[in-house]
N, C-alpha and C. Protein backbone atom coordinates (compact mmCIF):
# COMPACT_ATOMS: atom_id res chain seq x y z
N MET A 1 74.83 109.31 121.52
CA MET A 1 75.20 108.97 120.16
C MET A 1 75.52 110.24 119.38
N GLU A 2 76.49 110.11 118.48
CA GLU A 2 76.92 111.23 117.64
C GLU A 2 76.91 110.78 116.19
N THR A 3 76.57 111.69 115.29
CA THR A 3 76.58 111.40 113.86
C THR A 3 77.53 112.36 113.17
N LYS A 4 78.39 111.83 112.30
CA LYS A 4 79.30 112.66 111.51
C LYS A 4 79.00 112.43 110.04
N ASN A 5 78.93 113.51 109.29
CA ASN A 5 78.72 113.44 107.85
C ASN A 5 80.02 113.75 107.14
N LEU A 6 80.40 112.89 106.21
CA LEU A 6 81.65 113.03 105.47
C LEU A 6 81.39 112.85 103.99
N THR A 7 82.30 113.34 103.18
CA THR A 7 82.30 113.06 101.76
C THR A 7 83.53 112.22 101.48
N CYS A 8 83.33 111.04 100.94
CA CYS A 8 84.44 110.14 100.65
C CYS A 8 85.31 110.73 99.54
N ILE A 9 86.63 110.62 99.70
CA ILE A 9 87.57 111.15 98.71
C ILE A 9 88.39 110.05 98.05
N ASN A 10 87.98 108.80 98.20
CA ASN A 10 88.74 107.69 97.64
C ASN A 10 88.54 107.50 96.15
N CYS A 11 87.45 107.97 95.60
CA CYS A 11 87.22 107.85 94.16
C CYS A 11 86.38 109.03 93.69
N PRO A 12 86.19 109.18 92.39
CA PRO A 12 85.44 110.33 91.87
C PRO A 12 83.95 110.36 92.25
N LEU A 13 83.39 109.28 92.77
CA LEU A 13 81.97 109.27 93.13
C LEU A 13 81.65 110.25 94.26
N GLY A 14 82.56 110.42 95.21
CA GLY A 14 82.34 111.35 96.32
C GLY A 14 81.10 111.02 97.14
N CYS A 15 80.97 109.79 97.55
CA CYS A 15 79.80 109.34 98.31
C CYS A 15 79.62 110.16 99.59
N ALA A 16 78.35 110.47 99.88
CA ALA A 16 78.01 111.14 101.14
C ALA A 16 77.89 110.07 102.22
N LEU A 17 78.81 110.10 103.17
CA LEU A 17 78.86 109.08 104.22
C LEU A 17 78.28 109.62 105.52
N THR A 18 77.63 108.75 106.24
CA THR A 18 77.13 109.07 107.57
C THR A 18 77.69 108.04 108.54
N VAL A 19 78.40 108.53 109.55
CA VAL A 19 79.01 107.64 110.55
C VAL A 19 78.32 107.90 111.88
N THR A 20 77.82 106.84 112.48
CA THR A 20 77.19 106.94 113.80
C THR A 20 78.17 106.38 114.83
N LEU A 21 78.43 107.19 115.87
CA LEU A 21 79.40 106.83 116.90
C LEU A 21 78.75 106.84 118.27
N GLU A 22 79.28 106.00 119.12
CA GLU A 22 78.96 106.04 120.55
C GLU A 22 80.32 106.19 121.22
N GLY A 23 80.65 107.42 121.62
CA GLY A 23 82.00 107.70 122.11
C GLY A 23 82.98 107.55 120.96
N THR A 24 83.93 106.63 121.10
CA THR A 24 84.89 106.38 120.01
C THR A 24 84.57 105.10 119.25
N CYS A 25 83.46 104.47 119.61
CA CYS A 25 83.05 103.21 118.96
C CYS A 25 82.13 103.51 117.78
N ILE A 26 82.49 103.00 116.61
CA ILE A 26 81.68 103.18 115.41
C ILE A 26 80.54 102.16 115.42
N LEU A 27 79.32 102.67 115.39
CA LEU A 27 78.14 101.80 115.40
C LEU A 27 77.69 101.46 113.98
N GLU A 28 77.77 102.46 113.08
CA GLU A 28 77.26 102.25 111.72
C GLU A 28 77.91 103.23 110.75
N ILE A 29 78.14 102.75 109.53
CA ILE A 29 78.61 103.59 108.42
C ILE A 29 77.63 103.38 107.28
N LYS A 30 77.05 104.48 106.80
CA LYS A 30 76.08 104.40 105.70
C LYS A 30 76.49 105.35 104.57
N GLY A 31 76.04 105.00 103.36
CA GLY A 31 76.23 105.89 102.21
C GLY A 31 77.35 105.49 101.28
N ASN A 32 78.22 104.58 101.70
CA ASN A 32 79.33 104.18 100.83
C ASN A 32 78.83 103.17 99.79
N THR A 33 79.36 103.30 98.57
CA THR A 33 79.01 102.35 97.52
C THR A 33 80.06 101.26 97.36
N CYS A 34 81.17 101.39 98.08
CA CYS A 34 82.20 100.35 98.04
C CYS A 34 82.84 100.23 99.42
N LYS A 35 83.62 99.18 99.62
CA LYS A 35 84.23 98.99 100.94
C LYS A 35 85.34 100.01 101.21
N ARG A 36 85.92 100.60 100.15
CA ARG A 36 86.93 101.64 100.37
C ARG A 36 86.33 102.85 101.08
N GLY A 37 85.07 103.14 100.78
CA GLY A 37 84.38 104.25 101.44
C GLY A 37 84.22 104.00 102.92
N ALA A 38 83.89 102.77 103.27
CA ALA A 38 83.75 102.42 104.69
C ALA A 38 85.09 102.53 105.41
N GLU A 39 86.16 102.07 104.75
CA GLU A 39 87.51 102.18 105.34
C GLU A 39 87.90 103.64 105.54
N TYR A 40 87.61 104.48 104.52
CA TYR A 40 87.92 105.90 104.61
C TYR A 40 87.18 106.51 105.81
N ALA A 41 85.90 106.22 105.93
CA ALA A 41 85.10 106.78 107.03
C ALA A 41 85.65 106.37 108.38
N LYS A 42 86.02 105.10 108.50
CA LYS A 42 86.55 104.58 109.76
C LYS A 42 87.84 105.32 110.15
N LYS A 43 88.74 105.48 109.18
CA LYS A 43 90.00 106.17 109.46
C LYS A 43 89.78 107.65 109.75
N GLU A 44 88.86 108.26 109.01
CA GLU A 44 88.63 109.69 109.15
C GLU A 44 88.06 110.07 110.52
N VAL A 45 87.24 109.23 111.09
CA VAL A 45 86.66 109.57 112.40
C VAL A 45 87.52 109.10 113.56
N THR A 46 88.42 108.14 113.33
CA THR A 46 89.24 107.65 114.44
C THR A 46 90.66 108.21 114.44
N ASN A 47 91.25 108.40 113.25
CA ASN A 47 92.62 108.87 113.16
C ASN A 47 92.83 109.58 111.83
N PRO A 48 92.30 110.81 111.68
CA PRO A 48 92.43 111.51 110.40
C PRO A 48 93.88 111.91 110.11
N VAL A 49 94.32 111.66 108.89
CA VAL A 49 95.68 112.02 108.47
C VAL A 49 95.61 112.79 107.15
N ARG A 50 96.64 113.58 106.88
CA ARG A 50 96.70 114.38 105.66
C ARG A 50 98.13 114.44 105.13
N MET A 51 98.26 114.52 103.82
CA MET A 51 99.52 114.86 103.19
C MET A 51 99.63 116.38 103.25
N VAL A 52 100.82 116.90 103.45
CA VAL A 52 101.02 118.34 103.44
C VAL A 52 101.93 118.68 102.27
N THR A 53 101.49 119.62 101.45
CA THR A 53 102.32 120.14 100.37
C THR A 53 102.50 121.63 100.61
N SER A 54 103.69 122.13 100.34
CA SER A 54 103.98 123.53 100.60
C SER A 54 105.19 123.95 99.76
N THR A 55 105.76 125.08 100.10
CA THR A 55 106.99 125.55 99.47
C THR A 55 107.95 126.02 100.55
N VAL A 56 109.23 126.01 100.21
CA VAL A 56 110.29 126.47 101.11
C VAL A 56 111.16 127.44 100.33
N ARG A 57 111.64 128.48 101.01
CA ARG A 57 112.50 129.48 100.35
C ARG A 57 113.85 128.88 99.96
N VAL A 58 114.39 129.41 98.85
CA VAL A 58 115.71 128.98 98.37
C VAL A 58 116.51 130.23 98.03
N THR A 59 117.79 130.25 98.46
CA THR A 59 118.67 131.35 98.07
C THR A 59 119.67 130.84 97.05
N GLY A 60 120.08 131.71 96.13
CA GLY A 60 121.10 131.36 95.14
C GLY A 60 120.61 130.40 94.07
N GLY A 61 119.31 130.28 93.91
CA GLY A 61 118.77 129.35 92.92
C GLY A 61 118.12 130.07 91.75
N VAL A 62 117.82 129.30 90.70
CA VAL A 62 117.15 129.87 89.54
C VAL A 62 115.69 130.23 89.87
N LEU A 63 115.16 129.66 90.93
CA LEU A 63 113.84 130.01 91.44
C LEU A 63 113.96 130.30 92.94
N PRO A 64 113.10 131.18 93.47
CA PRO A 64 113.21 131.55 94.88
C PRO A 64 112.55 130.57 95.86
N MET A 65 111.82 129.57 95.33
CA MET A 65 111.10 128.63 96.18
C MET A 65 111.21 127.24 95.59
N VAL A 66 111.09 126.23 96.46
CA VAL A 66 111.03 124.84 96.00
C VAL A 66 109.78 124.20 96.62
N SER A 67 109.10 123.39 95.82
CA SER A 67 107.92 122.69 96.34
C SER A 67 108.37 121.51 97.18
N VAL A 68 107.64 121.26 98.26
CA VAL A 68 107.95 120.18 99.19
C VAL A 68 106.66 119.48 99.61
N LYS A 69 106.81 118.26 100.16
CA LYS A 69 105.65 117.53 100.67
C LYS A 69 106.10 116.58 101.77
N THR A 70 105.14 116.14 102.55
CA THR A 70 105.43 115.11 103.53
C THR A 70 105.61 113.80 102.77
N ARG A 71 106.55 112.97 103.20
CA ARG A 71 106.79 111.69 102.54
C ARG A 71 105.58 110.77 102.66
N GLU A 72 104.83 110.93 103.75
CA GLU A 72 103.58 110.18 103.95
C GLU A 72 102.64 111.05 104.76
N ALA A 73 101.42 110.61 104.91
CA ALA A 73 100.42 111.40 105.63
C ALA A 73 100.79 111.53 107.11
N ILE A 74 100.46 112.70 107.67
CA ILE A 74 100.71 112.97 109.08
C ILE A 74 99.36 113.19 109.78
N PRO A 75 99.31 113.08 111.11
CA PRO A 75 98.06 113.34 111.81
C PRO A 75 97.54 114.75 111.48
N LYS A 76 96.25 114.82 111.23
CA LYS A 76 95.63 116.09 110.84
C LYS A 76 95.93 117.22 111.83
N GLU A 77 95.96 116.90 113.12
CA GLU A 77 96.19 117.94 114.12
C GLU A 77 97.62 118.48 114.11
N LYS A 78 98.53 117.84 113.38
CA LYS A 78 99.93 118.30 113.30
C LYS A 78 100.19 119.17 112.06
N MET A 79 99.17 119.37 111.23
CA MET A 79 99.37 120.12 109.98
C MET A 79 99.90 121.54 110.20
N PHE A 80 99.29 122.29 111.11
CA PHE A 80 99.71 123.67 111.32
C PHE A 80 101.11 123.75 111.91
N ALA A 81 101.46 122.84 112.80
CA ALA A 81 102.81 122.80 113.36
C ALA A 81 103.82 122.51 112.24
N CYS A 82 103.45 121.63 111.33
CA CYS A 82 104.30 121.30 110.19
C CYS A 82 104.56 122.55 109.34
N VAL A 83 103.50 123.27 109.01
CA VAL A 83 103.63 124.47 108.19
C VAL A 83 104.46 125.54 108.90
N ARG A 84 104.28 125.68 110.21
CA ARG A 84 105.09 126.65 110.97
C ARG A 84 106.57 126.32 110.88
N GLU A 85 106.92 125.03 110.97
CA GLU A 85 108.32 124.62 110.86
C GLU A 85 108.86 124.91 109.47
N LEU A 86 108.05 124.68 108.45
CA LEU A 86 108.49 124.92 107.07
C LEU A 86 108.75 126.40 106.80
N LYS A 87 107.99 127.28 107.45
CA LYS A 87 108.17 128.72 107.25
C LYS A 87 109.54 129.19 107.75
N GLN A 88 110.17 128.44 108.65
CA GLN A 88 111.45 128.82 109.23
C GLN A 88 112.65 128.39 108.38
N ILE A 89 112.40 127.61 107.33
CA ILE A 89 113.49 127.03 106.55
C ILE A 89 113.82 127.88 105.34
N CYS A 90 115.12 128.05 105.09
CA CYS A 90 115.61 128.68 103.87
C CYS A 90 116.79 127.83 103.40
N LEU A 91 116.66 127.25 102.22
CA LEU A 91 117.68 126.37 101.67
C LEU A 91 118.63 127.13 100.76
N LYS A 92 119.81 126.56 100.56
CA LYS A 92 120.78 127.11 99.62
C LYS A 92 120.81 126.19 98.41
N ALA A 93 120.68 126.78 97.22
CA ALA A 93 120.71 125.99 95.98
C ALA A 93 122.10 125.39 95.80
N PRO A 94 122.20 124.24 95.16
CA PRO A 94 121.15 123.49 94.48
C PRO A 94 120.35 122.61 95.44
N VAL A 95 119.11 122.32 95.03
CA VAL A 95 118.23 121.43 95.78
C VAL A 95 117.86 120.28 94.84
N LYS A 96 118.05 119.08 95.29
CA LYS A 96 117.75 117.89 94.48
C LYS A 96 116.35 117.37 94.79
N MET A 97 115.64 116.94 93.76
CA MET A 97 114.32 116.35 93.97
C MET A 97 114.46 115.09 94.82
N GLY A 98 113.59 114.95 95.81
CA GLY A 98 113.63 113.80 96.71
C GLY A 98 114.51 114.01 97.93
N ALA A 99 115.27 115.11 97.96
CA ALA A 99 116.14 115.38 99.11
C ALA A 99 115.30 115.63 100.35
N VAL A 100 115.76 115.11 101.48
CA VAL A 100 115.07 115.35 102.75
C VAL A 100 115.36 116.78 103.18
N ILE A 101 114.32 117.56 103.30
CA ILE A 101 114.43 118.97 103.68
C ILE A 101 114.34 119.13 105.19
N LEU A 102 113.51 118.31 105.82
CA LEU A 102 113.32 118.35 107.26
C LEU A 102 112.93 116.96 107.73
N SER A 103 113.65 116.45 108.71
CA SER A 103 113.33 115.13 109.27
C SER A 103 112.38 115.27 110.45
N ASP A 104 111.53 114.29 110.64
CA ASP A 104 110.64 114.21 111.80
C ASP A 104 109.86 115.51 112.02
N VAL A 105 109.20 115.98 110.98
CA VAL A 105 108.47 117.24 111.07
C VAL A 105 107.41 117.17 112.18
N ALA A 106 107.40 118.17 113.02
CA ALA A 106 106.44 118.33 114.11
C ALA A 106 106.33 117.09 114.99
N GLY A 107 107.45 116.35 115.11
CA GLY A 107 107.47 115.17 115.97
C GLY A 107 106.64 114.01 115.45
N THR A 108 106.40 113.98 114.14
CA THR A 108 105.55 112.94 113.55
C THR A 108 106.33 111.71 113.10
N GLY A 109 107.65 111.84 112.99
CA GLY A 109 108.46 110.75 112.45
C GLY A 109 108.48 110.74 110.93
N VAL A 110 107.83 111.73 110.31
CA VAL A 110 107.72 111.81 108.85
C VAL A 110 108.65 112.91 108.34
N ASP A 111 109.33 112.64 107.22
CA ASP A 111 110.23 113.61 106.61
C ASP A 111 109.50 114.48 105.59
N ILE A 112 110.04 115.69 105.42
CA ILE A 112 109.61 116.58 104.34
C ILE A 112 110.63 116.42 103.23
N VAL A 113 110.17 116.22 101.98
CA VAL A 113 111.07 116.04 100.85
C VAL A 113 110.78 117.06 99.75
N ALA A 114 111.82 117.40 99.00
CA ALA A 114 111.68 118.31 97.86
C ALA A 114 111.00 117.56 96.71
N THR A 115 110.09 118.23 96.03
CA THR A 115 109.40 117.61 94.90
C THR A 115 109.82 118.22 93.57
N LYS A 116 110.85 119.04 93.61
CA LYS A 116 111.35 119.71 92.42
C LYS A 116 112.85 119.92 92.56
N GLU A 117 113.50 120.04 91.45
CA GLU A 117 114.94 120.30 91.43
C GLU A 117 115.14 121.81 91.23
N ILE A 118 115.98 122.42 92.04
CA ILE A 118 116.32 123.84 91.87
C ILE A 118 117.82 123.93 91.66
N GLU A 119 118.19 124.39 90.48
CA GLU A 119 119.61 124.55 90.14
C GLU A 119 120.14 125.86 90.70
N GLU A 120 121.46 125.92 90.83
CA GLU A 120 122.11 127.17 91.25
C GLU A 120 121.99 128.20 90.14
N GLU A 121 121.84 129.44 90.57
CA GLU A 121 121.80 130.54 89.62
C GLU A 121 123.21 130.78 89.11
N GLU A 122 123.33 130.97 87.81
CA GLU A 122 124.66 131.25 87.25
C GLU A 122 125.09 132.65 87.66
N VAL A 123 126.34 132.75 88.07
CA VAL A 123 126.89 134.05 88.47
C VAL A 123 127.61 134.62 87.25
N LYS A 124 127.15 135.79 86.80
CA LYS A 124 127.78 136.45 85.65
C LYS A 124 128.90 137.33 86.16
N GLN A 125 130.08 137.14 85.57
CA GLN A 125 131.22 137.93 85.99
C GLN A 125 131.39 139.09 85.03
N ASN A 126 131.72 140.24 85.60
CA ASN A 126 131.94 141.43 84.82
C ASN A 126 133.40 141.45 84.37
N VAL A 127 133.61 141.25 83.07
CA VAL A 127 134.97 141.20 82.52
C VAL A 127 135.27 142.55 81.85
N SER A 128 136.35 143.24 82.29
CA SER A 128 136.70 144.52 81.71
C SER A 128 137.98 144.43 80.94
C-alpha cells in the first residue's frame, strides 16, 4: 500500500488530501470537504495534467515577447518537452490574440495559443 498527500487546488480552502493506493487502484481518499476535492485527488494520482503558460520571442513587434498558453491541460510529464519546443520559436509581428502558435505541442494533440496581441513596430523613415 502507498499513501500520497496532496493539497487540493479546486477552491480557496486548500484541503489536505490523503490518497491510499494499492498499485494503481485507489482504496481511499480522505481530507476533502467536497466532492470536487475527491475528483481532484483521483485525477492527480492517476493522470496528472497541467496548463502551461510561457512566452515566445517576437521580432519586429512593439514588444520582444508574447505570452502564450496551452489551449487545454496537457499531461504533467510533457511539460518540459512543451517548454523546450517553445524556446525554439521566434514569431514575426503582428501576432493576434488567440492565434495558434504551435499545433500538437510535444505530441499531446494540444495547441499553444497567443494570449496577447503584439502589433508591428512602426518603422521611422529618415526624410532629408
